[in-house]
Amino acid sequence: MKQLILFRHAKSSWDDDVDDVDRPLAPRGERDAPRMGKRLKARHARPALILASHATRAQQTADLVARALGLGPKKLTTDKALYLASPDTILGVVARLDDAHSCVLLVGHNPGLTELVNRLLPRLALENLPTSGVVAIDFATTSWKGTSTATAKLAYYDYPKNPELFVTEN
């Protein structure tokens, strides 16, 4: 079994005149990312690795979530391919993960994350994975290479404005 936790970067700022890749988090993002990290911790999420896009907002999100989970900087990895990646690109990055990791948290961007969730979990039928939104997916496989074809099951879906503590498929 492998678990992939997809985490859309926290709310970013549009205040500065910077390139998209360099946009930092907005104050709401700085608040929501650690809150969602604490909610992941309450669910006993134990990612062996946090993999993030190189965009500033994704890096800041990954750092805040890692701290909330009590993970050190050695657990953070950057992959430039995740920046505004398509579902196929994301799955390609996932396929290259070390099989020693049973759980990985991936911080990325829309529309790719929403499209990937809808491909893997069509019953969830997400219109939009919100900023700081989380979808944890359990895969019936022992290898990350098999995630694109393995049976995928929703472990949980959560987001900052979620009135419920847990949302599961059941």
N, C-alpha and C. Protein backbone atom coordinates (compact mmCIF):
# COMPACT_ATOMS: atom_id res chain seq x y z
N MET A 1 0.84 -1.18 0.00
CA MET A 1 0.00 0.00 0.00
C MET A 1 0.89 1.25 0.00
N LYS A 2 0.53 2.20 -0.84
CA LYS A 2 1.20 3.50 -0.88
C LYS A 2 0.15 4.58 -0.65
N GLN A 3 0.53 5.63 0.06
CA GLN A 3 -0.38 6.75 0.25
C GLN A 3 0.28 8.02 -0.28
N LEU A 4 -0.45 8.69 -1.17
CA LEU A 4 -0.01 9.96 -1.73
C LEU A 4 -0.94 11.03 -1.20
N ILE A 5 -0.37 12.03 -0.55
CA ILE A 5 -1.14 13.16 -0.03
C ILE A 5 -0.88 14.33 -0.97
N LEU A 6 -1.90 14.71 -1.72
CA LEU A 6 -1.79 15.85 -2.63
C LEU A 6 -2.22 17.10 -1.87
N PHE A 7 -1.38 18.11 -1.89
CA PHE A 7 -1.62 19.34 -1.12
C PHE A 7 -1.43 20.51 -2.08
N ARG A 8 -2.51 21.24 -2.35
CA ARG A 8 -2.36 22.44 -3.18
C ARG A 8 -1.72 23.53 -2.34
N HIS A 9 -0.76 24.22 -2.92
CA HIS A 9 -0.07 25.28 -2.19
C HIS A 9 -1.08 26.22 -1.53
N ALA A 10 -0.65 26.85 -0.46
CA ALA A 10 -1.50 27.79 0.27
C ALA A 10 -1.72 29.06 -0.57
N LYS A 11 -2.67 29.87 -0.14
CA LYS A 11 -3.06 31.09 -0.85
C LYS A 11 -1.84 31.99 -1.06
N SER A 12 -1.63 32.39 -2.29
CA SER A 12 -0.48 33.23 -2.62
C SER A 12 -0.89 34.68 -2.80
N SER A 13 0.10 35.52 -2.75
CA SER A 13 -0.11 36.96 -2.86
C SER A 13 -0.01 37.39 -4.32
N TRP A 14 -0.84 38.32 -4.68
CA TRP A 14 -0.79 38.93 -6.01
C TRP A 14 -0.37 40.40 -5.89
N ASP A 15 0.08 40.80 -4.69
CA ASP A 15 0.41 42.20 -4.43
C ASP A 15 1.68 42.69 -5.12
N ASP A 16 2.66 41.82 -5.19
CA ASP A 16 3.95 42.24 -5.76
C ASP A 16 3.97 42.01 -7.26
N ASP A 17 4.75 42.81 -7.93
CA ASP A 17 4.92 42.65 -9.37
C ASP A 17 6.11 41.71 -9.60
N VAL A 18 5.85 40.39 -9.44
CA VAL A 18 6.90 39.40 -9.60
C VAL A 18 6.41 38.33 -10.57
N ASP A 19 7.34 37.57 -11.11
CA ASP A 19 6.98 36.45 -11.97
C ASP A 19 6.13 35.46 -11.18
N ASP A 20 5.26 34.73 -11.88
CA ASP A 20 4.37 33.78 -11.23
C ASP A 20 5.13 32.82 -10.31
N VAL A 21 6.23 32.28 -10.76
CA VAL A 21 6.98 31.31 -9.99
C VAL A 21 7.51 31.89 -8.67
N ASP A 22 7.65 33.22 -8.61
CA ASP A 22 8.22 33.89 -7.44
C ASP A 22 7.18 34.45 -6.47
N ARG A 23 5.88 34.23 -6.76
CA ARG A 23 4.86 34.77 -5.86
C ARG A 23 4.92 34.11 -4.49
N PRO A 24 4.97 34.93 -3.41
CA PRO A 24 5.02 34.38 -2.05
C PRO A 24 3.60 34.11 -1.53
N LEU A 25 3.54 33.56 -0.34
CA LEU A 25 2.25 33.33 0.29
C LEU A 25 1.64 34.64 0.77
N ALA A 26 0.33 34.68 0.71
CA ALA A 26 -0.44 35.78 1.29
C ALA A 26 -0.59 35.50 2.78
N PRO A 27 -0.96 36.50 3.57
CA PRO A 27 -1.17 36.24 5.01
C PRO A 27 -2.14 35.07 5.28
N ARG A 28 -3.18 34.95 4.48
CA ARG A 28 -4.10 33.82 4.65
C ARG A 28 -3.39 32.48 4.42
N GLY A 29 -2.51 32.44 3.43
CA GLY A 29 -1.75 31.23 3.17
C GLY A 29 -0.80 30.90 4.31
N GLU A 30 -0.17 31.93 4.87
CA GLU A 30 0.73 31.72 6.01
C GLU A 30 -0.02 31.19 7.22
N ARG A 31 -1.30 31.49 7.31
CA ARG A 31 -2.14 31.00 8.41
C ARG A 31 -2.67 29.60 8.10
N ASP A 32 -3.14 29.38 6.87
CA ASP A 32 -3.80 28.12 6.53
C ASP A 32 -2.85 26.93 6.42
N ALA A 33 -1.66 27.14 5.88
CA ALA A 33 -0.73 26.01 5.67
C ALA A 33 -0.39 25.29 6.98
N PRO A 34 0.03 26.02 8.03
CA PRO A 34 0.32 25.29 9.28
C PRO A 34 -0.94 24.70 9.92
N ARG A 35 -2.08 25.36 9.77
CA ARG A 35 -3.33 24.79 10.30
C ARG A 35 -3.63 23.47 9.63
N MET A 36 -3.46 23.40 8.31
CA MET A 36 -3.72 22.15 7.61
C MET A 36 -2.66 21.11 7.96
N GLY A 37 -1.44 21.54 8.20
CA GLY A 37 -0.41 20.62 8.67
C GLY A 37 -0.78 20.00 9.99
N LYS A 38 -1.34 20.80 10.90
CA LYS A 38 -1.79 20.28 12.20
C LYS A 38 -2.96 19.31 12.02
N ARG A 39 -3.82 19.61 11.06
CA ARG A 39 -4.93 18.69 10.80
C ARG A 39 -4.43 17.37 10.21
N LEU A 40 -3.40 17.45 9.38
CA LEU A 40 -2.78 16.22 8.88
C LEU A 40 -2.18 15.42 10.04
N LYS A 41 -1.52 16.12 10.94
CA LYS A 41 -0.93 15.45 12.10
C LYS A 41 -2.02 14.78 12.94
N ALA A 42 -3.17 15.43 13.10
CA ALA A 42 -4.28 14.85 13.85
C ALA A 42 -4.80 13.58 13.19
N ARG A 43 -4.61 13.46 11.89
CA ARG A 43 -5.00 12.26 11.14
C ARG A 43 -3.90 11.21 11.15
N HIS A 44 -2.81 11.50 11.84
CA HIS A 44 -1.66 10.61 11.93
C HIS A 44 -0.94 10.44 10.59
N ALA A 45 -0.98 11.49 9.76
CA ALA A 45 -0.23 11.47 8.50
C ALA A 45 1.26 11.45 8.85
N ARG A 46 1.97 10.54 8.24
CA ARG A 46 3.40 10.40 8.49
C ARG A 46 4.17 10.30 7.17
N PRO A 47 4.18 11.38 6.40
CA PRO A 47 4.93 11.30 5.15
C PRO A 47 6.43 11.13 5.42
N ALA A 48 7.03 10.24 4.66
CA ALA A 48 8.47 10.04 4.76
C ALA A 48 9.19 11.13 3.99
N LEU A 49 8.44 11.81 3.11
CA LEU A 49 9.02 12.80 2.21
C LEU A 49 7.95 13.83 1.86
N ILE A 50 8.36 15.08 1.77
CA ILE A 50 7.49 16.14 1.23
C ILE A 50 8.17 16.61 -0.04
N LEU A 51 7.47 16.45 -1.15
CA LEU A 51 7.98 16.78 -2.47
C LEU A 51 7.20 17.99 -2.97
N ALA A 52 7.90 19.06 -3.36
CA ALA A 52 7.23 20.29 -3.74
C ALA A 52 7.78 20.89 -5.03
N SER A 53 6.90 21.61 -5.71
CA SER A 53 7.29 22.44 -6.83
C SER A 53 8.34 23.46 -6.35
N HIS A 54 9.11 23.98 -7.27
CA HIS A 54 10.12 24.97 -6.90
C HIS A 54 9.55 26.38 -6.75
N ALA A 55 8.26 26.57 -7.06
CA ALA A 55 7.65 27.89 -6.91
C ALA A 55 7.73 28.33 -5.45
N THR A 56 7.95 29.62 -5.25
CA THR A 56 8.11 30.16 -3.90
C THR A 56 6.93 29.78 -3.02
N ARG A 57 5.70 29.92 -3.52
CA ARG A 57 4.51 29.63 -2.71
C ARG A 57 4.43 28.15 -2.33
N ALA A 58 4.89 27.27 -3.21
CA ALA A 58 4.89 25.84 -2.91
C ALA A 58 5.98 25.51 -1.88
N GLN A 59 7.14 26.13 -2.03
CA GLN A 59 8.23 25.91 -1.09
C GLN A 59 7.85 26.40 0.31
N GLN A 60 7.24 27.59 0.38
CA GLN A 60 6.82 28.11 1.68
C GLN A 60 5.75 27.22 2.30
N THR A 61 4.81 26.75 1.50
CA THR A 61 3.77 25.85 1.99
C THR A 61 4.40 24.57 2.54
N ALA A 62 5.29 23.96 1.77
CA ALA A 62 5.94 22.72 2.19
C ALA A 62 6.67 22.90 3.51
N ASP A 63 7.36 24.02 3.66
CA ASP A 63 8.10 24.28 4.89
C ASP A 63 7.16 24.42 6.09
N LEU A 64 6.07 25.17 5.92
CA LEU A 64 5.12 25.36 7.03
C LEU A 64 4.43 24.06 7.41
N VAL A 65 4.08 23.26 6.43
CA VAL A 65 3.44 21.97 6.70
C VAL A 65 4.43 21.02 7.37
N ALA A 66 5.66 20.99 6.89
CA ALA A 66 6.68 20.12 7.48
C ALA A 66 6.88 20.46 8.95
N ARG A 67 6.96 21.75 9.26
CA ARG A 67 7.13 22.15 10.65
C ARG A 67 5.94 21.73 11.51
N ALA A 68 4.73 21.89 10.98
CA ALA A 68 3.53 21.49 11.73
C ALA A 68 3.50 19.98 11.97
N LEU A 69 4.07 19.22 11.03
CA LEU A 69 4.12 17.77 11.17
C LEU A 69 5.32 17.31 12.00
N GLY A 70 6.21 18.24 12.34
CA GLY A 70 7.39 17.89 13.10
C GLY A 70 8.48 17.24 12.26
N LEU A 71 8.49 17.55 10.97
CA LEU A 71 9.49 16.99 10.06
C LEU A 71 10.60 18.00 9.81
N GLY A 72 11.82 17.52 9.76
CA GLY A 72 12.96 18.39 9.52
C GLY A 72 13.16 18.68 8.05
N PRO A 73 14.07 19.61 7.75
CA PRO A 73 14.32 20.02 6.36
C PRO A 73 14.85 18.90 5.47
N LYS A 74 15.42 17.86 6.05
CA LYS A 74 15.94 16.75 5.25
C LYS A 74 14.79 15.95 4.60
N LYS A 75 13.58 16.15 5.07
CA LYS A 75 12.42 15.45 4.52
C LYS A 75 11.81 16.21 3.34
N LEU A 76 12.33 17.42 3.05
CA LEU A 76 11.81 18.25 1.97
C LEU A 76 12.66 18.08 0.71
N THR A 77 11.96 17.88 -0.41
CA THR A 77 12.63 17.76 -1.71
C THR A 77 11.89 18.62 -2.72
N THR A 78 12.64 19.18 -3.65
CA THR A 78 12.06 20.02 -4.70
C THR A 78 12.18 19.31 -6.04
N ASP A 79 11.10 19.43 -6.84
CA ASP A 79 11.14 18.92 -8.21
C ASP A 79 10.53 19.98 -9.12
N LYS A 80 11.35 20.57 -9.98
CA LYS A 80 10.89 21.63 -10.88
C LYS A 80 9.79 21.15 -11.82
N ALA A 81 9.73 19.87 -12.10
CA ALA A 81 8.71 19.33 -13.00
C ALA A 81 7.30 19.51 -12.43
N LEU A 82 7.17 19.72 -11.13
CA LEU A 82 5.85 19.87 -10.51
C LEU A 82 5.24 21.25 -10.70
N TYR A 83 6.03 22.20 -11.18
CA TYR A 83 5.50 23.56 -11.36
C TYR A 83 4.46 23.55 -12.49
N LEU A 84 3.21 23.86 -12.14
CA LEU A 84 2.08 23.90 -13.07
C LEU A 84 1.98 22.61 -13.89
N ALA A 85 2.28 21.49 -13.26
CA ALA A 85 2.35 20.20 -13.95
C ALA A 85 0.99 19.63 -14.30
N SER A 86 0.97 18.89 -15.39
CA SER A 86 -0.22 18.15 -15.82
C SER A 86 -0.33 16.88 -14.96
N PRO A 87 -1.50 16.25 -14.98
CA PRO A 87 -1.63 14.98 -14.24
C PRO A 87 -0.59 13.94 -14.67
N ASP A 88 -0.33 13.83 -15.97
CA ASP A 88 0.65 12.85 -16.45
C ASP A 88 2.05 13.16 -15.92
N THR A 89 2.41 14.42 -15.89
CA THR A 89 3.72 14.80 -15.36
C THR A 89 3.81 14.49 -13.88
N ILE A 90 2.76 14.80 -13.13
CA ILE A 90 2.75 14.50 -11.69
C ILE A 90 2.91 12.99 -11.48
N LEU A 91 2.15 12.20 -12.22
CA LEU A 91 2.26 10.74 -12.09
C LEU A 91 3.66 10.25 -12.46
N GLY A 92 4.29 10.90 -13.43
CA GLY A 92 5.65 10.55 -13.79
C GLY A 92 6.63 10.82 -12.65
N VAL A 93 6.46 11.94 -11.97
CA VAL A 93 7.30 12.27 -10.82
C VAL A 93 7.06 11.24 -9.71
N VAL A 94 5.80 10.92 -9.47
CA VAL A 94 5.44 9.94 -8.43
C VAL A 94 6.04 8.57 -8.76
N ALA A 95 6.02 8.18 -10.02
CA ALA A 95 6.54 6.87 -10.43
C ALA A 95 8.03 6.72 -10.13
N ARG A 96 8.74 7.84 -10.02
CA ARG A 96 10.18 7.80 -9.74
C ARG A 96 10.52 7.80 -8.25
N LEU A 97 9.50 7.85 -7.40
CA LEU A 97 9.74 7.88 -5.95
C LEU A 97 10.35 6.57 -5.47
N ASP A 98 11.11 6.66 -4.42
CA ASP A 98 11.73 5.49 -3.79
C ASP A 98 10.64 4.65 -3.12
N ASP A 99 10.59 3.38 -3.47
CA ASP A 99 9.57 2.50 -2.92
C ASP A 99 9.72 2.28 -1.41
N ALA A 100 10.83 2.70 -0.84
CA ALA A 100 10.99 2.60 0.62
C ALA A 100 10.01 3.54 1.34
N HIS A 101 9.53 4.57 0.64
CA HIS A 101 8.58 5.51 1.23
C HIS A 101 7.16 4.97 1.03
N SER A 102 6.46 4.78 2.12
CA SER A 102 5.07 4.31 2.00
C SER A 102 4.09 5.48 1.89
N CYS A 103 4.50 6.65 2.37
CA CYS A 103 3.63 7.83 2.32
C CYS A 103 4.45 9.04 1.89
N VAL A 104 3.95 9.76 0.88
CA VAL A 104 4.62 10.97 0.38
C VAL A 104 3.59 12.08 0.27
N LEU A 105 3.97 13.27 0.70
CA LEU A 105 3.12 14.46 0.56
C LEU A 105 3.68 15.29 -0.59
N LEU A 106 2.83 15.62 -1.54
CA LEU A 106 3.25 16.35 -2.73
C LEU A 106 2.55 17.70 -2.74
N VAL A 107 3.33 18.79 -2.78
CA VAL A 107 2.79 20.15 -2.82
C VAL A 107 2.91 20.67 -4.24
N GLY A 108 1.74 20.98 -4.84
CA GLY A 108 1.73 21.42 -6.22
C GLY A 108 0.68 22.46 -6.50
N HIS A 109 0.24 22.49 -7.76
CA HIS A 109 -0.58 23.57 -8.29
C HIS A 109 -1.81 23.05 -9.02
N ASN A 110 -2.77 23.94 -9.16
CA ASN A 110 -3.91 23.70 -10.04
C ASN A 110 -3.55 24.27 -11.41
N PRO A 111 -4.17 23.79 -12.47
CA PRO A 111 -5.27 22.84 -12.50
C PRO A 111 -4.84 21.38 -12.40
N GLY A 112 -3.54 21.11 -12.46
CA GLY A 112 -3.05 19.74 -12.50
C GLY A 112 -3.49 18.88 -11.34
N LEU A 113 -3.46 19.43 -10.12
CA LEU A 113 -3.86 18.62 -8.97
C LEU A 113 -5.34 18.25 -9.02
N THR A 114 -6.20 19.21 -9.33
CA THR A 114 -7.63 18.91 -9.43
C THR A 114 -7.88 17.87 -10.52
N GLU A 115 -7.25 18.04 -11.66
CA GLU A 115 -7.42 17.09 -12.76
C GLU A 115 -6.93 15.70 -12.37
N LEU A 116 -5.81 15.62 -11.65
CA LEU A 116 -5.29 14.34 -11.22
C LEU A 116 -6.25 13.66 -10.23
N VAL A 117 -6.74 14.42 -9.27
CA VAL A 117 -7.70 13.86 -8.30
C VAL A 117 -8.91 13.32 -9.04
N ASN A 118 -9.43 14.07 -9.99
CA ASN A 118 -10.61 13.61 -10.72
C ASN A 118 -10.33 12.40 -11.60
N ARG A 119 -9.11 12.27 -12.08
CA ARG A 119 -8.75 11.08 -12.86
C ARG A 119 -8.68 9.85 -11.95
N LEU A 120 -8.05 10.02 -10.79
CA LEU A 120 -7.84 8.89 -9.89
C LEU A 120 -9.08 8.55 -9.06
N LEU A 121 -9.84 9.59 -8.71
CA LEU A 121 -11.02 9.42 -7.84
C LEU A 121 -12.24 10.09 -8.47
N PRO A 122 -12.74 9.57 -9.58
CA PRO A 122 -13.83 10.26 -10.28
C PRO A 122 -15.09 10.46 -9.44
N ARG A 123 -15.33 9.60 -8.47
CA ARG A 123 -16.52 9.77 -7.62
C ARG A 123 -16.44 11.02 -6.75
N LEU A 124 -15.24 11.48 -6.45
CA LEU A 124 -15.10 12.69 -5.64
C LEU A 124 -15.58 13.91 -6.43
N ALA A 125 -15.38 13.91 -7.72
CA ALA A 125 -15.87 14.95 -8.64
C ALA A 125 -15.58 16.37 -8.14
N LEU A 126 -14.32 16.64 -7.90
CA LEU A 126 -13.92 17.98 -7.44
C LEU A 126 -14.04 19.00 -8.55
N GLU A 127 -14.66 20.13 -8.26
CA GLU A 127 -14.65 21.24 -9.21
C GLU A 127 -13.31 21.96 -9.15
N ASN A 128 -12.77 22.06 -7.92
CA ASN A 128 -11.55 22.81 -7.71
C ASN A 128 -10.97 22.43 -6.35
N LEU A 129 -9.73 21.95 -6.34
CA LEU A 129 -9.06 21.73 -5.07
C LEU A 129 -8.64 23.10 -4.56
N PRO A 130 -9.20 23.55 -3.43
CA PRO A 130 -8.89 24.90 -2.95
C PRO A 130 -7.45 25.03 -2.46
N THR A 131 -6.97 26.25 -2.35
CA THR A 131 -5.65 26.46 -1.79
C THR A 131 -5.62 25.85 -0.39
N SER A 132 -4.50 25.23 -0.06
CA SER A 132 -4.30 24.46 1.17
C SER A 132 -5.22 23.25 1.27
N GLY A 133 -5.87 22.89 0.16
CA GLY A 133 -6.70 21.69 0.14
C GLY A 133 -5.84 20.44 0.06
N VAL A 134 -6.33 19.37 0.68
CA VAL A 134 -5.59 18.12 0.79
C VAL A 134 -6.47 16.97 0.33
N VAL A 135 -5.92 16.11 -0.52
CA VAL A 135 -6.58 14.86 -0.88
C VAL A 135 -5.56 13.75 -0.66
N ALA A 136 -5.87 12.84 0.26
CA ALA A 136 -4.99 11.70 0.53
C ALA A 136 -5.56 10.48 -0.18
N ILE A 137 -4.72 9.83 -0.95
CA ILE A 137 -5.14 8.70 -1.78
C ILE A 137 -4.32 7.47 -1.41
N ASP A 138 -5.03 6.38 -1.12
CA ASP A 138 -4.39 5.09 -0.87
C ASP A 138 -4.38 4.30 -2.17
N PHE A 139 -3.23 3.75 -2.51
CA PHE A 139 -3.08 2.95 -3.72
C PHE A 139 -2.79 1.49 -3.35
N ALA A 140 -3.48 0.60 -4.01
CA ALA A 140 -3.27 -0.84 -3.79
C ALA A 140 -2.09 -1.29 -4.64
N THR A 141 -0.89 -0.91 -4.22
CA THR A 141 0.33 -1.28 -4.91
C THR A 141 1.49 -1.20 -3.93
N THR A 142 2.55 -1.91 -4.23
CA THR A 142 3.75 -1.84 -3.39
C THR A 142 4.83 -0.97 -4.02
N SER A 143 4.56 -0.48 -5.24
CA SER A 143 5.54 0.32 -5.96
C SER A 143 4.91 1.62 -6.46
N TRP A 144 5.64 2.70 -6.33
CA TRP A 144 5.14 3.98 -6.83
C TRP A 144 4.96 3.94 -8.35
N LYS A 145 5.72 3.09 -9.02
CA LYS A 145 5.56 2.95 -10.47
C LYS A 145 4.16 2.47 -10.84
N GLY A 146 3.51 1.77 -9.91
CA GLY A 146 2.19 1.21 -10.17
C GLY A 146 1.02 2.12 -9.85
N THR A 147 1.29 3.33 -9.36
CA THR A 147 0.18 4.18 -8.93
C THR A 147 -0.73 4.63 -10.07
N SER A 148 -0.21 4.75 -11.27
CA SER A 148 -1.05 5.23 -12.38
C SER A 148 -2.10 4.19 -12.79
N THR A 149 -1.86 2.92 -12.48
CA THR A 149 -2.81 1.87 -12.86
C THR A 149 -3.42 1.15 -11.67
N ALA A 150 -2.93 1.40 -10.47
CA ALA A 150 -3.43 0.71 -9.27
C ALA A 150 -4.81 1.24 -8.88
N THR A 151 -5.52 0.44 -8.13
CA THR A 151 -6.80 0.88 -7.56
C THR A 151 -6.51 1.99 -6.56
N ALA A 152 -7.19 3.11 -6.73
CA ALA A 152 -7.01 4.27 -5.86
C ALA A 152 -8.27 4.44 -5.00
N LYS A 153 -8.05 4.72 -3.72
CA LYS A 153 -9.17 4.90 -2.80
C LYS A 153 -8.94 6.18 -2.00
N LEU A 154 -9.99 6.96 -1.84
CA LEU A 154 -9.89 8.18 -1.04
C LEU A 154 -9.67 7.82 0.42
N ALA A 155 -8.59 8.35 0.99
CA ALA A 155 -8.37 8.21 2.43
C ALA A 155 -9.07 9.36 3.14
N TYR A 156 -8.86 10.60 2.65
CA TYR A 156 -9.58 11.77 3.16
C TYR A 156 -9.37 12.95 2.24
N TYR A 157 -10.30 13.89 2.37
CA TYR A 157 -10.27 15.16 1.64
C TYR A 157 -10.55 16.24 2.67
N ASP A 158 -9.73 17.27 2.70
CA ASP A 158 -9.90 18.33 3.68
C ASP A 158 -9.42 19.65 3.08
N TYR A 159 -9.91 20.73 3.62
CA TYR A 159 -9.55 22.06 3.16
C TYR A 159 -9.83 23.04 4.30
N PRO A 160 -9.21 24.22 4.27
CA PRO A 160 -9.30 25.13 5.42
C PRO A 160 -10.71 25.49 5.88
N LYS A 161 -11.64 25.67 4.96
CA LYS A 161 -12.99 26.09 5.35
C LYS A 161 -13.93 24.90 5.58
N ASN A 162 -13.38 23.70 5.62
CA ASN A 162 -14.18 22.49 5.83
C ASN A 162 -14.77 22.51 7.24
N PRO A 163 -16.11 22.44 7.35
CA PRO A 163 -16.71 22.46 8.68
C PRO A 163 -16.55 21.13 9.42
N GLU A 164 -16.22 20.07 8.70
CA GLU A 164 -16.04 18.76 9.31
C GLU A 164 -14.55 18.52 9.52
N LEU A 165 -14.24 17.71 10.54
CA LEU A 165 -12.83 17.40 10.75
C LEU A 165 -12.32 16.44 9.69
N PHE A 166 -13.12 15.44 9.33
CA PHE A 166 -12.68 14.45 8.34
C PHE A 166 -13.72 14.33 7.26
N VAL A 167 -13.28 14.20 6.04
CA VAL A 167 -14.16 13.87 4.92
C VAL A 167 -13.54 12.61 4.29
N THR A 168 -14.28 11.53 4.32
CA THR A 168 -13.81 10.29 3.71
C THR A 168 -14.87 9.76 2.77
N GLU A 169 -14.49 8.82 1.92
CA GLU A 169 -15.41 8.31 0.92
C GLU A 169 -16.42 7.33 1.53
N ASN A 170 -15.97 6.42 2.34
CA ASN A 170 -16.81 5.37 2.97
C ASN A 170 -17.94 4.94 2.12
